[in-house]
Amino acid sequence: MEMPVVTECAVESCAYNRDGDCHALAITVGDPLHAHCDTYFTAPRKGGSPSAAGHVGACKMSDCRYNTDFECQASGISVGARQDSADCLTYSPR
């Protein structure tokens, strides 16, 4: 199984965001109530590997149509600002 790629991240303030791309090796999405990017944080400098594309390592949103056994099955996801946080915009309840 391949981890889905983060195809877009519109949350420029994230430490892993460089020019709209996520460079964390893997992110975690959600808690049982909200599809936010648990990996999001701000820092005075950028982190992650500049040559790496971000992937979804885990998803805690069991009610998402793309979630199987807490693994994301979407081909890719978008992350953007919603409800004052960095959220998985691909999240879709069953």
PDB file of N, CA and C in Angstrom:
ATOM      1  N   MET A   1       0.836  -1.181   0.000  1.00  0.00           N
ATOM      2  CA  MET A   1       0.000   0.000   0.000  1.00  0.00           C
ATOM      3  C   MET A   1       0.878   1.241   0.000  1.00  0.00           C
ATOM      4  N   GLU A   2       0.592   2.165  -0.877  1.00  0.00           N
ATOM      5  CA  GLU A   2       1.315   3.426  -0.910  1.00  0.00           C
ATOM      6  C   GLU A   2       0.535   4.479  -0.143  1.00  0.00           C
ATOM      7  N   MET A   3       1.249   5.317   0.573  1.00  0.00           N
ATOM      8  CA  MET A   3       0.600   6.405   1.299  1.00  0.00           C
ATOM      9  C   MET A   3       0.162   7.471   0.299  1.00  0.00           C
ATOM     10  N   PRO A   4      -1.053   8.020   0.490  1.00  0.00           N
ATOM     11  CA  PRO A   4      -1.517   9.096  -0.392  1.00  0.00           C
ATOM     12  C   PRO A   4      -0.637  10.335  -0.258  1.00  0.00           C
ATOM     13  N   VAL A   5      -0.455  11.030  -1.339  1.00  0.00           N
ATOM     14  CA  VAL A   5       0.354  12.243  -1.344  1.00  0.00           C
ATOM     15  C   VAL A   5      -0.500  13.444  -0.948  1.00  0.00           C
ATOM     16  N   VAL A   6       0.136  14.407  -0.299  1.00  0.00           N
ATOM     17  CA  VAL A   6      -0.506  15.701  -0.047  1.00  0.00           C
ATOM     18  C   VAL A   6      -0.288  16.504  -1.326  1.00  0.00           C
ATOM     19  N   THR A   7      -1.320  16.603  -2.145  1.00  0.00           N
ATOM     20  CA  THR A   7      -1.171  17.230  -3.461  1.00  0.00           C
ATOM     21  C   THR A   7      -1.079  18.742  -3.395  1.00  0.00           C
ATOM     22  N   GLU A   8      -1.636  19.303  -2.314  1.00  0.00           N
ATOM     23  CA  GLU A   8      -1.615  20.753  -2.146  1.00  0.00           C
ATOM     24  C   GLU A   8      -1.745  21.090  -0.674  1.00  0.00           C
ATOM     25  N   CYS A   9      -0.994  22.089  -0.242  1.00  0.00           N
ATOM     26  CA  CYS A   9      -1.170  22.640   1.097  1.00  0.00           C
ATOM     27  C   CYS A   9      -1.230  24.154   0.973  1.00  0.00           C
ATOM     28  N   ALA A  10      -2.381  24.712   1.300  1.00  0.00           N
ATOM     29  CA  ALA A  10      -2.590  26.157   1.193  1.00  0.00           C
ATOM     30  C   ALA A  10      -2.331  26.880   2.509  1.00  0.00           C
ATOM     31  N   VAL A  11      -1.808  26.175   3.509  1.00  0.00           N
ATOM     32  CA  VAL A  11      -1.551  26.773   4.818  1.00  0.00           C
ATOM     33  C   VAL A  11      -0.075  27.177   4.863  1.00  0.00           C
ATOM     34  N   GLU A  12       0.200  28.369   4.353  1.00  0.00           N
ATOM     35  CA  GLU A  12       1.579  28.835   4.198  1.00  0.00           C
ATOM     36  C   GLU A  12       2.328  28.980   5.520  1.00  0.00           C
ATOM     37  N   SER A  13       1.602  29.189   6.621  1.00  0.00           N
ATOM     38  CA  SER A  13       2.262  29.377   7.916  1.00  0.00           C
ATOM     39  C   SER A  13       2.820  28.092   8.500  1.00  0.00           C
ATOM     40  N   CYS A  14       2.490  26.944   7.923  1.00  0.00           N
ATOM     41  CA  CYS A  14       2.979  25.665   8.446  1.00  0.00           C
ATOM     42  C   CYS A  14       4.485  25.539   8.225  1.00  0.00           C
ATOM     43  N   ALA A  15       5.166  25.001   9.200  1.00  0.00           N
ATOM     44  CA  ALA A  15       6.617  24.823   9.119  1.00  0.00           C
ATOM     45  C   ALA A  15       7.024  23.879   7.989  1.00  0.00           C
ATOM     46  N   TYR A  16       6.123  22.993   7.559  1.00  0.00           N
ATOM     47  CA  TYR A  16       6.437  22.040   6.490  1.00  0.00           C
ATOM     48  C   TYR A  16       6.037  22.538   5.101  1.00  0.00           C
ATOM     49  N   ASN A  17       5.385  23.701   5.009  1.00  0.00           N
ATOM     50  CA  ASN A  17       4.915  24.228   3.730  1.00  0.00           C
ATOM     51  C   ASN A  17       6.004  25.075   3.080  1.00  0.00           C
ATOM     52  N   ARG A  18       6.352  24.692   1.869  1.00  0.00           N
ATOM     53  CA  ARG A  18       7.286  25.469   1.045  1.00  0.00           C
ATOM     54  C   ARG A  18       6.629  25.672  -0.313  1.00  0.00           C
ATOM     55  N   ASP A  19       6.259  26.895  -0.584  1.00  0.00           N
ATOM     56  CA  ASP A  19       5.651  27.255  -1.877  1.00  0.00           C
ATOM     57  C   ASP A  19       4.407  26.422  -2.191  1.00  0.00           C
ATOM     58  N   GLY A  20       3.578  26.158  -1.184  1.00  0.00           N
ATOM     59  CA  GLY A  20       2.324  25.442  -1.394  1.00  0.00           C
ATOM     60  C   GLY A  20       2.426  23.938  -1.393  1.00  0.00           C
ATOM     61  N   ASP A  21       3.620  23.425  -1.160  1.00  0.00           N
ATOM     62  CA  ASP A  21       3.824  21.975  -1.109  1.00  0.00           C
ATOM     63  C   ASP A  21       4.203  21.547   0.295  1.00  0.00           C
ATOM     64  N   CYS A  22       3.688  20.396   0.709  1.00  0.00           N
ATOM     65  CA  CYS A  22       4.020  19.836   2.014  1.00  0.00           C
ATOM     66  C   CYS A  22       5.306  19.028   1.891  1.00  0.00           C
ATOM     67  N   HIS A  23       6.230  19.241   2.831  1.00  0.00           N
ATOM     68  CA  HIS A  23       7.498  18.525   2.812  1.00  0.00           C
ATOM     69  C   HIS A  23       7.735  17.691   4.064  1.00  0.00           C
ATOM     70  N   ALA A  24       6.662  17.430   4.835  1.00  0.00           N
ATOM     71  CA  ALA A  24       6.761  16.460   5.931  1.00  0.00           C
ATOM     72  C   ALA A  24       6.773  15.077   5.288  1.00  0.00           C
ATOM     73  N   LEU A  25       7.538  14.160   5.824  1.00  0.00           N
ATOM     74  CA  LEU A  25       7.551  12.820   5.232  1.00  0.00           C
ATOM     75  C   LEU A  25       6.168  12.176   5.313  1.00  0.00           C
ATOM     76  N   ALA A  26       5.475  12.399   6.434  1.00  0.00           N
ATOM     77  CA  ALA A  26       4.112  11.874   6.589  1.00  0.00           C
ATOM     78  C   ALA A  26       3.359  12.748   7.580  1.00  0.00           C
ATOM     79  N   ILE A  27       2.084  12.977   7.291  1.00  0.00           N
ATOM     80  CA  ILE A  27       1.244  13.741   8.210  1.00  0.00           C
ATOM     81  C   ILE A  27       0.187  12.813   8.810  1.00  0.00           C
ATOM     82  N   THR A  28      -0.382  13.248   9.920  1.00  0.00           N
ATOM     83  CA  THR A  28      -1.519  12.570  10.524  1.00  0.00           C
ATOM     84  C   THR A  28      -2.711  13.510  10.409  1.00  0.00           C
ATOM     85  N   VAL A  29      -3.839  12.960  10.009  1.00  0.00           N
ATOM     86  CA  VAL A  29      -5.055  13.762   9.857  1.00  0.00           C
ATOM     87  C   VAL A  29      -6.045  13.381  10.939  1.00  0.00           C
ATOM     88  N   GLY A  30      -6.615  14.424  11.558  1.00  0.00           N
ATOM     89  CA  GLY A  30      -7.798  14.276  12.374  1.00  0.00           C
ATOM     90  C   GLY A  30      -7.663  13.870  13.814  1.00  0.00           C
ATOM     91  N   ASP A  31      -8.784  14.062  14.443  1.00  0.00           N
ATOM     92  CA  ASP A  31      -9.101  13.472  15.727  1.00  0.00           C
ATOM     93  C   ASP A  31     -10.525  12.971  15.525  1.00  0.00           C
ATOM     94  N   PRO A  32     -11.129  12.337  16.466  1.00  0.00           N
ATOM     95  CA  PRO A  32     -12.457  11.791  16.186  1.00  0.00           C
ATOM     96  C   PRO A  32     -13.523  12.816  15.775  1.00  0.00           C
ATOM     97  N   LEU A  33     -13.280  14.112  15.990  1.00  0.00           N
ATOM     98  CA  LEU A  33     -14.307  15.107  15.705  1.00  0.00           C
ATOM     99  C   LEU A  33     -13.972  16.083  14.584  1.00  0.00           C
ATOM    100  N   HIS A  34     -12.712  16.176  14.176  1.00  0.00           N
ATOM    101  CA  HIS A  34     -12.305  17.243  13.263  1.00  0.00           C
ATOM    102  C   HIS A  34     -11.187  16.739  12.347  1.00  0.00           C
ATOM    103  N   ALA A  35     -11.318  16.987  11.048  1.00  0.00           N
ATOM    104  CA  ALA A  35     -10.343  16.508  10.057  1.00  0.00           C
ATOM    105  C   ALA A  35      -9.181  17.479   9.889  1.00  0.00           C
ATOM    106  N   HIS A  36      -8.528  17.846  10.978  1.00  0.00           N
ATOM    107  CA  HIS A  36      -7.409  18.777  10.859  1.00  0.00           C
ATOM    108  C   HIS A  36      -6.093  18.035  10.662  1.00  0.00           C
ATOM    109  N   CYS A  37      -5.098  18.766  10.203  1.00  0.00           N
ATOM    110  CA  CYS A  37      -3.758  18.208  10.037  1.00  0.00           C
ATOM    111  C   CYS A  37      -3.069  18.264  11.397  1.00  0.00           C
ATOM    112  N   ASP A  38      -2.919  17.122  12.039  1.00  0.00           N
ATOM    113  CA  ASP A  38      -2.273  17.059  13.350  1.00  0.00           C
ATOM    114  C   ASP A  38      -0.791  17.412  13.290  1.00  0.00           C
ATOM    115  N   THR A  39      -0.225  17.373  12.115  1.00  0.00           N
ATOM    116  CA  THR A  39       1.205  17.644  11.953  1.00  0.00           C
ATOM    117  C   THR A  39       1.494  19.134  11.828  1.00  0.00           C
ATOM    118  N   TYR A  40       0.471  19.929  11.554  1.00  0.00           N
ATOM    119  CA  TYR A  40       0.631  21.375  11.382  1.00  0.00           C
ATOM    120  C   TYR A  40       1.201  22.043  12.630  1.00  0.00           C
ATOM    121  N   PHE A  41       2.197  22.884  12.436  1.00  0.00           N
ATOM    122  CA  PHE A  41       2.674  23.799  13.468  1.00  0.00           C
ATOM    123  C   PHE A  41       3.480  24.900  12.800  1.00  0.00           C
ATOM    124  N   THR A  42       3.675  25.990  13.504  1.00  0.00           N
ATOM    125  CA  THR A  42       4.471  27.098  12.975  1.00  0.00           C
ATOM    126  C   THR A  42       5.832  27.090  13.657  1.00  0.00           C
ATOM    127  N   ALA A  43       6.810  27.622  12.962  1.00  0.00           N
ATOM    128  CA  ALA A  43       8.169  27.709  13.491  1.00  0.00           C
ATOM    129  C   ALA A  43       8.882  28.851  12.773  1.00  0.00           C
ATOM    130  N   PRO A  44       9.946  29.380  13.372  1.00  0.00           N
ATOM    131  CA  PRO A  44      10.656  30.487  12.727  1.00  0.00           C
ATOM    132  C   PRO A  44      11.373  30.095  11.431  1.00  0.00           C
ATOM    133  N   ARG A  45      11.553  28.810  11.211  1.00  0.00           N
ATOM    134  CA  ARG A  45      12.167  28.355   9.954  1.00  0.00           C
ATOM    135  C   ARG A  45      11.387  27.164   9.415  1.00  0.00           C
ATOM    136  N   LYS A  46      11.586  26.864   8.147  1.00  0.00           N
ATOM    137  CA  LYS A  46      10.893  25.754   7.507  1.00  0.00           C
ATOM    138  C   LYS A  46      11.586  24.437   7.833  1.00  0.00           C
ATOM    139  N   GLY A  47      10.782  23.380   7.904  1.00  0.00           N
ATOM    140  CA  GLY A  47      11.306  22.053   8.205  1.00  0.00           C
ATOM    141  C   GLY A  47      10.949  21.068   7.118  1.00  0.00           C
ATOM    142  N   GLY A  48      11.202  19.817   7.397  1.00  0.00           N
ATOM    143  CA  GLY A  48      10.950  18.768   6.423  1.00  0.00           C
ATOM    144  C   GLY A  48      12.049  18.719   5.391  1.00  0.00           C
ATOM    145  N   SER A  49      11.991  17.740   4.557  1.00  0.00           N
ATOM    146  CA  SER A  49      12.986  17.566   3.506  1.00  0.00           C
ATOM    147  C   SER A  49      12.549  18.307   2.256  1.00  0.00           C
ATOM    148  N   PRO A  50      13.354  19.262   1.773  1.00  0.00           N
ATOM    149  CA  PRO A  50      12.962  20.027   0.581  1.00  0.00           C
ATOM    150  C   PRO A  50      12.708  19.144  -0.643  1.00  0.00           C
ATOM    151  N   SER A  51      13.310  17.961  -0.685  1.00  0.00           N
ATOM    152  CA  SER A  51      13.128  17.084  -1.844  1.00  0.00           C
ATOM    153  C   SER A  51      11.995  16.075  -1.655  1.00  0.00           C
ATOM    154  N   ALA A  52      11.395  16.033  -0.475  1.00  0.00           N
ATOM    155  CA  ALA A  52      10.339  15.054  -0.202  1.00  0.00           C
ATOM    156  C   ALA A  52       8.958  15.647  -0.428  1.00  0.00           C
ATOM    157  N   ALA A  53       8.060  14.820  -0.901  1.00  0.00           N
ATOM    158  CA  ALA A  53       6.648  15.194  -1.010  1.00  0.00           C
ATOM    159  C   ALA A  53       5.937  14.633   0.212  1.00  0.00           C
ATOM    160  N   GLY A  54       5.047  15.440   0.810  1.00  0.00           N
ATOM    161  CA  GLY A  54       4.303  14.991   1.975  1.00  0.00           C
ATOM    162  C   GLY A  54       3.312  13.887   1.627  1.00  0.00           C
ATOM    163  N   HIS A  55       3.119  12.981   2.559  1.00  0.00           N
ATOM    164  CA  HIS A  55       2.169  11.879   2.412  1.00  0.00           C
ATOM    165  C   HIS A  55       1.303  11.790   3.657  1.00  0.00           C
ATOM    166  N   VAL A  56       0.192  11.081   3.544  1.00  0.00           N
ATOM    167  CA  VAL A  56      -0.687  10.849   4.685  1.00  0.00           C
ATOM    168  C   VAL A  56      -0.264   9.532   5.332  1.00  0.00           C
ATOM    169  N   GLY A  57       0.258   9.624   6.551  1.00  0.00           N
ATOM    170  CA  GLY A  57       0.693   8.429   7.263  1.00  0.00           C
ATOM    171  C   GLY A  57      -0.432   7.767   8.021  1.00  0.00           C
ATOM    172  N   ALA A  58      -1.351   8.556   8.561  1.00  0.00           N
ATOM    173  CA  ALA A  58      -2.469   8.022   9.336  1.00  0.00           C
ATOM    174  C   ALA A  58      -3.638   8.979   9.269  1.00  0.00           C
ATOM    175  N   CYS A  59      -4.843   8.418   9.399  1.00  0.00           N
ATOM    176  CA  CYS A  59      -6.049   9.232   9.436  1.00  0.00           C
ATOM    177  C   CYS A  59      -6.943   8.714  10.552  1.00  0.00           C
ATOM    178  N   LYS A  60      -7.277   9.605  11.484  1.00  0.00           N
ATOM    179  CA  LYS A  60      -8.110   9.236  12.621  1.00  0.00           C
ATOM    180  C   LYS A  60      -9.597   9.473  12.376  1.00  0.00           C
ATOM    181  N   MET A  61      -9.960   9.899  11.155  1.00  0.00           N
ATOM    182  CA  MET A  61     -11.352  10.199  10.831  1.00  0.00           C
ATOM    183  C   MET A  61     -12.062   8.936  10.340  1.00  0.00           C
ATOM    184  N   SER A  62     -12.510   8.104  11.270  1.00  0.00           N
ATOM    185  CA  SER A  62     -13.108   6.807  10.909  1.00  0.00           C
ATOM    186  C   SER A  62     -14.384   6.951  10.090  1.00  0.00           C
ATOM    187  N   ASP A  63     -15.026   8.123  10.124  1.00  0.00           N
ATOM    188  CA  ASP A  63     -16.249   8.304   9.346  1.00  0.00           C
ATOM    189  C   ASP A  63     -15.999   8.832   7.931  1.00  0.00           C
ATOM    190  N   CYS A  64     -14.742   9.003   7.539  1.00  0.00           N
ATOM    191  CA  CYS A  64     -14.429   9.493   6.196  1.00  0.00           C
ATOM    192  C   CYS A  64     -14.576   8.358   5.184  1.00  0.00           C
ATOM    193  N   ARG A  65     -15.130   8.676   4.037  1.00  0.00           N
ATOM    194  CA  ARG A  65     -15.331   7.654   3.004  1.00  0.00           C
ATOM    195  C   ARG A  65     -14.021   7.092   2.467  1.00  0.00           C
ATOM    196  N   TYR A  66     -12.911   7.800   2.655  1.00  0.00           N
ATOM    197  CA  TYR A  66     -11.608   7.336   2.174  1.00  0.00           C
ATOM    198  C   TYR A  66     -10.832   6.552   3.239  1.00  0.00           C
ATOM    199  N   ASN A  67     -11.385   6.423   4.433  1.00  0.00           N
ATOM    200  CA  ASN A  67     -10.677   5.802   5.549  1.00  0.00           C
ATOM    201  C   ASN A  67     -11.013   4.311   5.639  1.00  0.00           C
ATOM    202  N   THR A  68      -9.970   3.490   5.640  1.00  0.00           N
ATOM    203  CA  THR A  68     -10.110   2.058   5.879  1.00  0.00           C
ATOM    204  C   THR A  68      -9.090   1.685   6.939  1.00  0.00           C
ATOM    205  N   ASP A  69      -9.575   1.269   8.088  1.00  0.00           N
ATOM    206  CA  ASP A  69      -8.692   0.857   9.188  1.00  0.00           C
ATOM    207  C   ASP A  69      -7.694   1.951   9.561  1.00  0.00           C
ATOM    208  N   PHE A  70      -8.161   3.202   9.553  1.00  0.00           N
ATOM    209  CA  PHE A  70      -7.383   4.390   9.906  1.00  0.00           C
ATOM    210  C   PHE A  70      -6.246   4.694   8.927  1.00  0.00           C
ATOM    211  N   GLU A  71      -6.375   4.184   7.717  1.00  0.00           N
ATOM    212  CA  GLU A  71      -5.451   4.490   6.623  1.00  0.00           C
ATOM    213  C   GLU A  71      -6.245   5.181   5.522  1.00  0.00           C
ATOM    214  N   CYS A  72      -5.682   6.254   4.978  1.00  0.00           N
ATOM    215  CA  CYS A  72      -6.341   6.990   3.906  1.00  0.00           C
ATOM    216  C   CYS A  72      -6.188   6.237   2.589  1.00  0.00           C
ATOM    217  N   GLN A  73      -7.302   6.072   1.882  1.00  0.00           N
ATOM    218  CA  GLN A  73      -7.310   5.383   0.596  1.00  0.00           C
ATOM    219  C   GLN A  73      -7.480   6.334  -0.581  1.00  0.00           C
ATOM    220  N   ALA A  74      -7.541   7.643  -0.325  1.00  0.00           N
ATOM    221  CA  ALA A  74      -7.650   8.614  -1.425  1.00  0.00           C
ATOM    222  C   ALA A  74      -6.341   8.608  -2.208  1.00  0.00           C
ATOM    223  N   SER A  75      -6.394   8.970  -3.465  1.00  0.00           N
ATOM    224  CA  SER A  75      -5.160   9.021  -4.258  1.00  0.00           C
ATOM    225  C   SER A  75      -4.273  10.183  -3.829  1.00  0.00           C
ATOM    226  N   GLY A  76      -4.881  11.212  -3.262  1.00  0.00           N
ATOM    227  CA  GLY A  76      -4.153  12.370  -2.760  1.00  0.00           C
ATOM    228  C   GLY A  76      -5.117  13.244  -1.989  1.00  0.00           C
ATOM    229  N   ILE A  77      -4.581  14.137  -1.173  1.00  0.00           N
ATOM    230  CA  ILE A  77      -5.432  15.038  -0.395  1.00  0.00           C
ATOM    231  C   ILE A  77      -4.955  16.476  -0.544  1.00  0.00           C
ATOM    232  N   SER A  78      -5.857  17.391  -0.247  1.00  0.00           N
ATOM    233  CA  SER A  78      -5.526  18.814  -0.169  1.00  0.00           C
ATOM    234  C   SER A  78      -5.700  19.265   1.273  1.00  0.00           C
ATOM    235  N   VAL A  79      -4.807  20.126   1.713  1.00  0.00           N
ATOM    236  CA  VAL A  79      -4.881  20.709   3.050  1.00  0.00           C
ATOM    237  C   VAL A  79      -5.065  22.205   2.886  1.00  0.00           C
ATOM    238  N   GLY A  80      -5.983  22.763   3.654  1.00  0.00           N
ATOM    239  CA  GLY A  80      -6.243  24.196   3.573  1.00  0.00           C
ATOM    240  C   GLY A  80      -6.812  24.715   4.874  1.00  0.00           C
ATOM    241  N   ALA A  81      -6.936  26.018   4.960  1.00  0.00           N
ATOM    242  CA  ALA A  81      -7.449  26.655   6.178  1.00  0.00           C
ATOM    243  C   ALA A  81      -8.963  26.541   6.221  1.00  0.00           C
ATOM    244  N   ARG A  82      -9.459  26.056   7.337  1.00  0.00           N
ATOM    245  CA  ARG A  82     -10.900  25.961   7.584  1.00  0.00           C
ATOM    246  C   ARG A  82     -11.083  25.920   9.091  1.00  0.00           C
ATOM    247  N   GLN A  83     -12.040  26.655   9.598  1.00  0.00           N
ATOM    248  CA  GLN A  83     -12.309  26.698  11.036  1.00  0.00           C
ATOM    249  C   GLN A  83     -11.049  27.051  11.838  1.00  0.00           C
ATOM    250  N   ASP A  84     -10.284  28.014  11.346  1.00  0.00           N
ATOM    251  CA  ASP A  84      -9.071  28.489  12.025  1.00  0.00           C
ATOM    252  C   ASP A  84      -8.029  27.400  12.254  1.00  0.00           C
ATOM    253  N   SER A  85      -7.977  26.422  11.385  1.00  0.00           N
ATOM    254  CA  SER A  85      -6.929  25.407  11.498  1.00  0.00           C
ATOM    255  C   SER A  85      -6.592  24.872  10.115  1.00  0.00           C
ATOM    256  N   ALA A  86      -5.558  24.065  10.054  1.00  0.00           N
ATOM    257  CA  ALA A  86      -5.169  23.407   8.810  1.00  0.00           C
ATOM    258  C   ALA A  86      -5.966  22.116   8.716  1.00  0.00           C
ATOM    259  N   ASP A  87      -6.846  22.023   7.745  1.00  0.00           N
ATOM    260  CA  ASP A  87      -7.753  20.885   7.630  1.00  0.00           C
ATOM    261  C   ASP A  87      -7.542  20.099   6.346  1.00  0.00           C
ATOM    262  N   CYS A  88      -7.881  18.818   6.408  1.00  0.00           N
ATOM    263  CA  CYS A  88      -7.924  17.984   5.214  1.00  0.00           C
ATOM    264  C   CYS A  88      -9.189  18.358   4.457  1.00  0.00           C
ATOM    265  N   LEU A  89      -9.026  18.989   3.295  1.00  0.00           N
ATOM    266  CA  LEU A  89     -10.168  19.428   2.498  1.00  0.00           C
ATOM    267  C   LEU A  89     -10.763  18.279   1.682  1.00  0.00           C
ATOM    268  N   THR A  90     -10.075  17.144   1.650  1.00  0.00           N
ATOM    269  CA  THR A  90     -10.553  15.973   0.937  1.00  0.00           C
ATOM    270  C   THR A  90     -11.509  15.151   1.796  1.00  0.00           C
ATOM    271  N   TYR A  91     -11.486  15.385   3.092  1.00  0.00           N
ATOM    272  CA  TYR A  91     -12.372  14.668   4.019  1.00  0.00           C
ATOM    273  C   TYR A  91     -13.814  14.714   3.530  1.00  0.00           C
ATOM    274  N   SER A  92     -14.458  13.553   3.509  1.00  0.00           N
ATOM    275  CA  SER A  92     -15.852  13.451   3.073  1.00  0.00           C
ATOM    276  C   SER A  92     -16.534  12.394   3.935  1.00  0.00           C
ATOM    277  N   PRO A  93     -17.502  12.802   4.773  1.00  0.00           N
ATOM    278  CA  PRO A  93     -18.168  11.806   5.622  1.00  0.00           C
ATOM    279  C   PRO A  93     -18.948  10.793   4.785  1.00  0.00           C
ATOM    280  N   ARG A  94     -19.037   9.586   5.302  1.00  0.00           N
ATOM    281  CA  ARG A  94     -19.788   8.519   4.606  1.00  0.00           C
ATOM    282  C   ARG A  94     -21.252   8.833   4.612  1.00  0.00           C
TER     283      ARG A  94
END
